[in-house]
Structure formats: structure tokens, C-alpha cells
N, C-alpha and C. Protein backbone atom coordinates (compact mmCIF):
# COMPACT_ATOMS: atom_id res chain seq x y z
N UNK A 1 299.48 163.33 229.29
CA UNK A 1 300.30 163.31 228.12
C UNK A 1 301.66 162.69 228.44
N UNK A 2 302.24 163.10 229.56
CA UNK A 2 303.54 162.53 229.94
C UNK A 2 303.44 161.01 230.11
N UNK A 3 302.37 160.57 230.74
CA UNK A 3 302.20 159.13 230.95
C UNK A 3 302.10 158.37 229.64
N UNK A 4 301.41 158.96 228.66
CA UNK A 4 301.28 158.30 227.36
C UNK A 4 302.62 158.25 226.65
N UNK A 5 303.40 159.33 226.73
CA UNK A 5 304.72 159.33 226.09
C UNK A 5 305.65 158.32 226.75
N UNK A 6 305.63 158.26 228.07
CA UNK A 6 306.48 157.30 228.77
C UNK A 6 306.07 155.87 228.45
N UNK A 7 304.77 155.61 228.40
CA UNK A 7 304.30 154.28 228.05
C UNK A 7 304.71 153.92 226.64
N UNK A 8 304.58 154.85 225.70
CA UNK A 8 304.96 154.60 224.31
C UNK A 8 306.46 154.31 224.22
N UNK A 9 307.27 155.09 224.94
CA UNK A 9 308.72 154.84 224.93
C UNK A 9 309.04 153.46 225.47
N UNK A 10 308.39 153.10 226.57
CA UNK A 10 308.64 151.79 227.17
C UNK A 10 308.25 150.67 226.21
N UNK A 11 307.11 150.84 225.56
CA UNK A 11 306.63 149.79 224.67
C UNK A 11 307.43 149.71 223.38
N UNK A 12 307.99 150.83 222.95
CA UNK A 12 308.71 150.82 221.68
C UNK A 12 310.11 150.22 221.82
N UNK A 13 310.61 150.13 223.01
CA UNK A 13 311.93 149.54 223.22
C UNK A 13 311.81 148.02 223.13
N UNK A 14 312.59 147.42 222.27
CA UNK A 14 312.44 145.99 221.99
C UNK A 14 312.69 145.12 223.22
N UNK A 15 313.54 145.56 224.14
CA UNK A 15 313.83 144.75 225.31
C UNK A 15 312.74 144.84 226.36
N UNK A 16 311.88 145.84 226.27
CA UNK A 16 310.84 145.98 227.29
C UNK A 16 309.60 145.16 226.97
N UNK A 17 309.51 144.64 225.75
CA UNK A 17 308.32 143.88 225.38
C UNK A 17 308.40 142.48 225.92
N UNK A 18 307.42 142.08 226.62
CA UNK A 18 307.35 140.75 227.20
C UNK A 18 306.08 140.09 226.70
N UNK A 19 306.20 138.98 225.95
CA UNK A 19 305.00 138.34 225.41
C UNK A 19 304.05 137.85 226.50
N UNK A 20 304.55 137.72 227.74
CA UNK A 20 303.68 137.27 228.83
C UNK A 20 302.78 138.40 229.32
N UNK A 21 303.10 139.64 228.97
CA UNK A 21 302.28 140.78 229.39
C UNK A 21 300.99 140.79 228.58
N UNK A 22 299.93 141.07 229.24
CA UNK A 22 298.64 141.14 228.56
C UNK A 22 298.14 142.58 228.54
N UNK A 23 297.48 142.92 227.47
CA UNK A 23 296.77 144.19 227.36
C UNK A 23 297.66 145.43 227.30
N UNK A 24 298.95 145.28 227.02
CA UNK A 24 299.79 146.48 226.98
C UNK A 24 299.44 147.36 225.78
N UNK A 25 299.08 146.77 224.66
CA UNK A 25 298.72 147.57 223.49
C UNK A 25 297.43 148.34 223.76
N UNK A 26 296.49 147.71 224.43
CA UNK A 26 295.23 148.36 224.77
C UNK A 26 295.48 149.52 225.74
N UNK A 27 296.39 149.31 226.69
CA UNK A 27 296.70 150.37 227.65
C UNK A 27 297.33 151.57 226.95
N UNK A 28 298.24 151.31 226.01
CA UNK A 28 298.87 152.40 225.27
C UNK A 28 297.83 153.15 224.43
N UNK A 29 296.97 152.41 223.77
CA UNK A 29 295.92 153.04 222.96
C UNK A 29 294.97 153.86 223.83
N UNK A 30 294.63 153.35 225.01
CA UNK A 30 293.75 154.08 225.92
C UNK A 30 294.40 155.39 226.36
N UNK A 31 295.70 155.36 226.64
CA UNK A 31 296.40 156.59 227.02
C UNK A 31 296.37 157.60 225.89
N UNK A 32 296.64 157.14 224.66
CA UNK A 32 296.62 158.06 223.52
C UNK A 32 295.22 158.64 223.34
N UNK A 33 294.20 157.82 223.51
CA UNK A 33 292.84 158.32 223.37
C UNK A 33 292.52 159.35 224.45
N UNK A 34 293.01 159.13 225.67
CA UNK A 34 292.84 160.11 226.74
C UNK A 34 293.49 161.44 226.36
N UNK A 35 294.70 161.37 225.79
CA UNK A 35 295.41 162.58 225.37
C UNK A 35 294.64 163.31 224.27
N UNK A 36 294.13 162.55 223.31
CA UNK A 36 293.35 163.15 222.24
C UNK A 36 292.09 163.82 222.78
N UNK A 37 291.43 163.16 223.72
CA UNK A 37 290.23 163.73 224.31
C UNK A 37 290.55 165.02 225.05
N UNK A 38 291.62 165.01 225.83
CA UNK A 38 292.01 166.21 226.58
C UNK A 38 292.35 167.36 225.64
N UNK A 39 293.16 167.09 224.62
CA UNK A 39 293.51 168.17 223.69
C UNK A 39 292.29 168.63 222.91
N UNK A 40 291.38 167.71 222.59
CA UNK A 40 290.15 168.09 221.91
C UNK A 40 289.27 168.97 222.80
N UNK A 41 289.21 168.65 224.09
CA UNK A 41 288.43 169.47 225.02
C UNK A 41 289.00 170.88 225.13
N UNK A 42 290.32 170.98 225.17
CA UNK A 42 290.95 172.30 225.23
C UNK A 42 290.71 173.05 223.94
N UNK A 43 290.84 172.34 222.84
CA UNK A 43 290.67 172.96 221.52
C UNK A 43 289.28 173.54 221.34
N UNK A 44 288.27 172.84 221.82
CA UNK A 44 286.90 173.29 221.61
C UNK A 44 286.38 174.17 222.74
N UNK A 45 287.18 174.38 223.76
CA UNK A 45 286.75 175.25 224.86
C UNK A 45 286.59 176.68 224.36
N UNK A 46 285.63 177.35 224.93
CA UNK A 46 285.40 178.73 224.53
C UNK A 46 286.53 179.61 225.05
N UNK A 47 287.00 180.50 224.20
CA UNK A 47 288.08 181.39 224.58
C UNK A 47 287.51 182.49 225.47
N UNK A 48 288.06 182.59 226.66
CA UNK A 48 287.61 183.60 227.60
C UNK A 48 288.49 184.83 227.50
N UNK A 49 289.78 184.60 227.31
CA UNK A 49 290.73 185.71 227.21
C UNK A 49 291.67 185.44 226.04
N UNK A 50 292.27 186.49 225.57
CA UNK A 50 293.25 186.34 224.49
C UNK A 50 294.44 185.50 224.94
N UNK A 51 294.73 185.51 226.24
CA UNK A 51 295.85 184.73 226.76
C UNK A 51 295.60 183.23 226.66
N UNK A 52 294.34 182.83 226.41
CA UNK A 52 294.02 181.41 226.24
C UNK A 52 294.39 180.89 224.85
N UNK A 53 294.54 181.78 223.88
CA UNK A 53 294.80 181.35 222.50
C UNK A 53 296.07 180.53 222.34
N UNK A 54 297.21 180.92 222.93
CA UNK A 54 298.40 180.07 222.77
C UNK A 54 298.20 178.65 223.28
N UNK A 55 297.47 178.51 224.40
CA UNK A 55 297.20 177.17 224.93
C UNK A 55 296.34 176.37 223.97
N UNK A 56 295.37 177.03 223.37
CA UNK A 56 294.52 176.32 222.42
C UNK A 56 295.30 175.96 221.16
N UNK A 57 296.17 176.82 220.73
CA UNK A 57 297.00 176.50 219.55
C UNK A 57 297.89 175.30 219.83
N UNK A 58 298.51 175.30 221.02
CA UNK A 58 299.40 174.18 221.37
C UNK A 58 298.59 172.89 221.49
N UNK A 59 297.42 172.99 222.04
CA UNK A 59 296.57 171.80 222.15
C UNK A 59 296.24 171.26 220.76
N UNK A 60 295.92 172.15 219.84
CA UNK A 60 295.62 171.72 218.47
C UNK A 60 296.84 171.07 217.84
N UNK A 61 298.01 171.67 218.03
CA UNK A 61 299.24 171.11 217.48
C UNK A 61 299.50 169.71 218.03
N UNK A 62 299.37 169.55 219.35
CA UNK A 62 299.59 168.23 219.95
C UNK A 62 298.55 167.22 219.46
N UNK A 63 297.34 167.67 219.31
CA UNK A 63 296.27 166.80 218.80
C UNK A 63 296.63 166.28 217.41
N UNK A 64 297.05 167.19 216.53
CA UNK A 64 297.43 166.78 215.17
C UNK A 64 298.67 165.90 215.17
N UNK A 65 299.63 166.18 216.06
CA UNK A 65 300.83 165.34 216.14
C UNK A 65 300.47 163.92 216.56
N UNK A 66 299.59 163.80 217.54
CA UNK A 66 299.20 162.48 218.01
C UNK A 66 298.53 161.69 216.89
N UNK A 67 297.78 162.38 216.06
CA UNK A 67 297.07 161.71 214.97
C UNK A 67 297.88 161.64 213.68
N UNK A 68 299.09 162.17 213.67
CA UNK A 68 299.88 162.16 212.44
C UNK A 68 300.16 160.72 212.01
N UNK A 69 300.31 160.55 210.71
CA UNK A 69 300.45 159.20 210.15
C UNK A 69 301.88 158.84 209.78
N UNK A 70 302.81 159.72 210.04
CA UNK A 70 304.19 159.40 209.71
C UNK A 70 305.14 160.49 210.17
N UNK A 71 306.41 160.17 210.07
CA UNK A 71 307.44 161.11 210.52
C UNK A 71 307.45 162.39 209.71
N UNK A 72 307.20 162.29 208.42
CA UNK A 72 307.20 163.49 207.57
C UNK A 72 306.12 164.47 208.02
N UNK A 73 304.95 163.95 208.30
CA UNK A 73 303.85 164.79 208.76
C UNK A 73 304.17 165.39 210.14
N UNK A 74 304.74 164.58 211.03
CA UNK A 74 305.10 165.06 212.36
C UNK A 74 306.16 166.16 212.27
N UNK A 75 307.14 165.96 211.42
CA UNK A 75 308.17 166.98 211.23
C UNK A 75 307.59 168.28 210.69
N UNK A 76 306.60 168.17 209.84
CA UNK A 76 305.95 169.37 209.29
C UNK A 76 305.24 170.16 210.39
N UNK A 77 304.56 169.47 211.31
CA UNK A 77 303.90 170.16 212.42
C UNK A 77 304.93 170.82 213.33
N UNK A 78 306.05 170.14 213.56
CA UNK A 78 307.11 170.71 214.37
C UNK A 78 307.68 171.96 213.70
N UNK A 79 307.87 171.90 212.39
CA UNK A 79 308.37 173.04 211.64
C UNK A 79 307.40 174.22 211.73
N UNK A 80 306.11 173.94 211.62
CA UNK A 80 305.10 175.00 211.75
C UNK A 80 305.17 175.66 213.12
N UNK A 81 305.41 174.87 214.15
CA UNK A 81 305.55 175.42 215.49
C UNK A 81 306.72 176.40 215.54
N UNK A 82 307.88 175.97 215.04
CA UNK A 82 309.06 176.83 215.12
C UNK A 82 308.94 178.06 214.22
N UNK A 83 308.29 177.93 213.08
CA UNK A 83 308.10 179.06 212.19
C UNK A 83 307.14 180.09 212.77
N UNK A 84 306.23 179.65 213.64
CA UNK A 84 305.19 180.53 214.19
C UNK A 84 305.24 180.57 215.71
N UNK A 85 306.43 180.47 216.25
CA UNK A 85 306.59 180.37 217.69
C UNK A 85 305.99 181.55 218.45
N UNK A 86 305.94 182.72 217.84
CA UNK A 86 305.35 183.88 218.52
C UNK A 86 303.87 183.66 218.83
N UNK A 87 303.20 182.80 218.07
CA UNK A 87 301.79 182.51 218.34
C UNK A 87 301.61 181.63 219.58
N UNK A 88 302.70 181.05 220.06
CA UNK A 88 302.65 180.16 221.22
C UNK A 88 303.23 180.81 222.47
N UNK A 89 303.66 182.05 222.38
CA UNK A 89 304.25 182.75 223.52
C UNK A 89 303.17 183.16 224.51
N UNK A 90 303.48 183.01 225.79
CA UNK A 90 302.58 183.44 226.86
C UNK A 90 303.36 184.33 227.82
N UNK A 91 302.68 185.31 228.36
CA UNK A 91 303.29 186.23 229.32
C UNK A 91 303.10 185.75 230.75
N UNK A 92 302.07 185.00 230.97
CA UNK A 92 301.68 184.52 232.29
C UNK A 92 302.74 183.57 232.85
N UNK A 93 303.21 183.86 234.05
CA UNK A 93 304.25 183.02 234.67
C UNK A 93 303.74 181.62 235.00
N UNK A 94 302.44 181.45 235.16
CA UNK A 94 301.87 180.13 235.44
C UNK A 94 301.80 179.30 234.16
N UNK A 95 301.46 179.93 233.06
CA UNK A 95 301.28 179.21 231.79
C UNK A 95 302.59 178.97 231.06
N UNK A 96 303.59 179.77 231.30
CA UNK A 96 304.87 179.61 230.59
C UNK A 96 305.46 178.22 230.79
N UNK A 97 305.55 177.71 232.04
CA UNK A 97 306.08 176.35 232.20
C UNK A 97 305.22 175.28 231.52
N UNK A 98 303.90 175.50 231.47
CA UNK A 98 303.02 174.56 230.79
C UNK A 98 303.33 174.52 229.30
N UNK A 99 303.56 175.68 228.72
CA UNK A 99 303.88 175.73 227.29
C UNK A 99 305.25 175.12 227.01
N UNK A 100 306.18 175.31 227.93
CA UNK A 100 307.50 174.70 227.76
C UNK A 100 307.40 173.17 227.83
N UNK A 101 306.57 172.67 228.75
CA UNK A 101 306.35 171.23 228.84
C UNK A 101 305.70 170.71 227.57
N UNK A 102 304.72 171.44 227.07
CA UNK A 102 304.03 171.04 225.83
C UNK A 102 305.01 171.02 224.66
N UNK A 103 305.92 171.99 224.60
CA UNK A 103 306.92 172.02 223.53
C UNK A 103 307.85 170.81 223.63
N UNK A 104 308.24 170.43 224.84
CA UNK A 104 309.07 169.23 225.02
C UNK A 104 308.30 167.98 224.59
N UNK A 105 307.01 167.93 224.91
CA UNK A 105 306.21 166.79 224.51
C UNK A 105 306.06 166.73 222.99
N UNK A 106 305.94 167.90 222.36
CA UNK A 106 305.86 167.95 220.90
C UNK A 106 307.14 167.35 220.30
N UNK A 107 308.28 167.77 220.82
CA UNK A 107 309.55 167.24 220.32
C UNK A 107 309.66 165.74 220.57
N UNK A 108 309.17 165.28 221.72
CA UNK A 108 309.21 163.84 222.03
C UNK A 108 308.32 163.05 221.07
N UNK A 109 307.16 163.60 220.74
CA UNK A 109 306.28 162.93 219.78
C UNK A 109 306.95 162.81 218.41
N UNK A 110 307.64 163.86 218.00
CA UNK A 110 308.33 163.83 216.71
C UNK A 110 309.45 162.79 216.76
N UNK A 111 310.20 162.76 217.86
CA UNK A 111 311.27 161.76 218.00
C UNK A 111 310.71 160.34 217.96
N UNK A 112 309.59 160.12 218.63
CA UNK A 112 308.97 158.80 218.60
C UNK A 112 308.53 158.43 217.19
N UNK A 113 308.00 159.40 216.47
CA UNK A 113 307.57 159.16 215.10
C UNK A 113 308.76 158.80 214.22
N UNK A 114 309.88 159.51 214.38
CA UNK A 114 311.09 159.21 213.61
C UNK A 114 311.63 157.83 213.96
N UNK A 115 311.62 157.50 215.25
CA UNK A 115 312.12 156.19 215.69
C UNK A 115 311.24 155.06 215.16
N UNK A 116 309.93 155.28 215.20
CA UNK A 116 309.01 154.25 214.70
C UNK A 116 309.20 154.04 213.20
N UNK A 117 309.38 155.12 212.47
CA UNK A 117 309.58 154.98 211.02
C UNK A 117 310.92 154.31 210.72
N UNK A 118 311.95 154.65 211.46
CA UNK A 118 313.26 154.03 211.25
C UNK A 118 313.21 152.54 211.57
N UNK A 119 312.45 152.18 212.58
CA UNK A 119 312.35 150.78 212.97
C UNK A 119 311.62 149.97 211.90
N UNK A 120 310.65 150.58 211.24
CA UNK A 120 309.92 149.88 210.17
C UNK A 120 310.77 149.63 208.93
N UNK A 121 311.80 150.43 208.73
CA UNK A 121 312.61 150.31 207.53
C UNK A 121 313.91 149.55 207.75
N UNK A 122 314.12 149.05 208.96
CA UNK A 122 315.33 148.28 209.20
C UNK A 122 315.25 146.93 208.49
N UNK A 123 316.31 146.50 207.83
CA UNK A 123 316.31 145.19 207.20
C UNK A 123 316.32 144.10 208.25
N UNK A 124 315.62 143.03 207.95
CA UNK A 124 315.55 141.92 208.92
C UNK A 124 316.64 140.92 208.64
């Protein structure tokens, strides 16, 4: 997920785009598809313990964020996260940093969505 976000940030910056580069769009799409597959695998995994539920919820949230079609939709998913944050809490010291990383990635996805939408509306 981090690799896909970093690649998206690099590609979205106008100075980083080089027309001589080949296959960068395909690489970005492949990374996003990998992220979707991973979150889908977590989402459909059988719940073994109740402590697995927050991870599955976060995976579902990230999955929907990746597939969101605009900033408004992304902001709505972020709002749902903050309104229901207790559903994402974990007691496990190993899982807590993972959930914090996932929350940062969620915020980064929303920021990317806002930046992409703002870039589309800039006058030429």
C-alpha cells in the first residue's frame, strides 16, 4: 500500500512526469490492483477472533477508498471512519501500529483524491 501511494504521489507531481518514461501508468495501475487484491483477501478472510474485526473493517474501508470515484466519496469514507473510530480500535500492541499506518494511508488517499480533483478543475 505504501508503495502504491508513493508511486501515485510521484506520478501526480507535474515535474516528475517524463514523456520518455515507458509503462509508468501501467506500473501505477498494477500497484493499485495489488492493493485492491490484498484488501480484498483480508476482507474475505474468515474471522478467527473478534480482534480480527477492526483489521477487516479497515481493509474494507481502504478497499472502498481505492475504488472511490471522486473526492466527495473519499471524504465520506473518511468521515465514516472518524464517526465510528471505536470500531477500528485494537488492544493488541502488534496490531495498533498497523491500524495507525492504515489510518495514515486512508488520509493520504483522501488527500490524493482532493489533489486530483483540484487539478482537474484548474483553468488552463
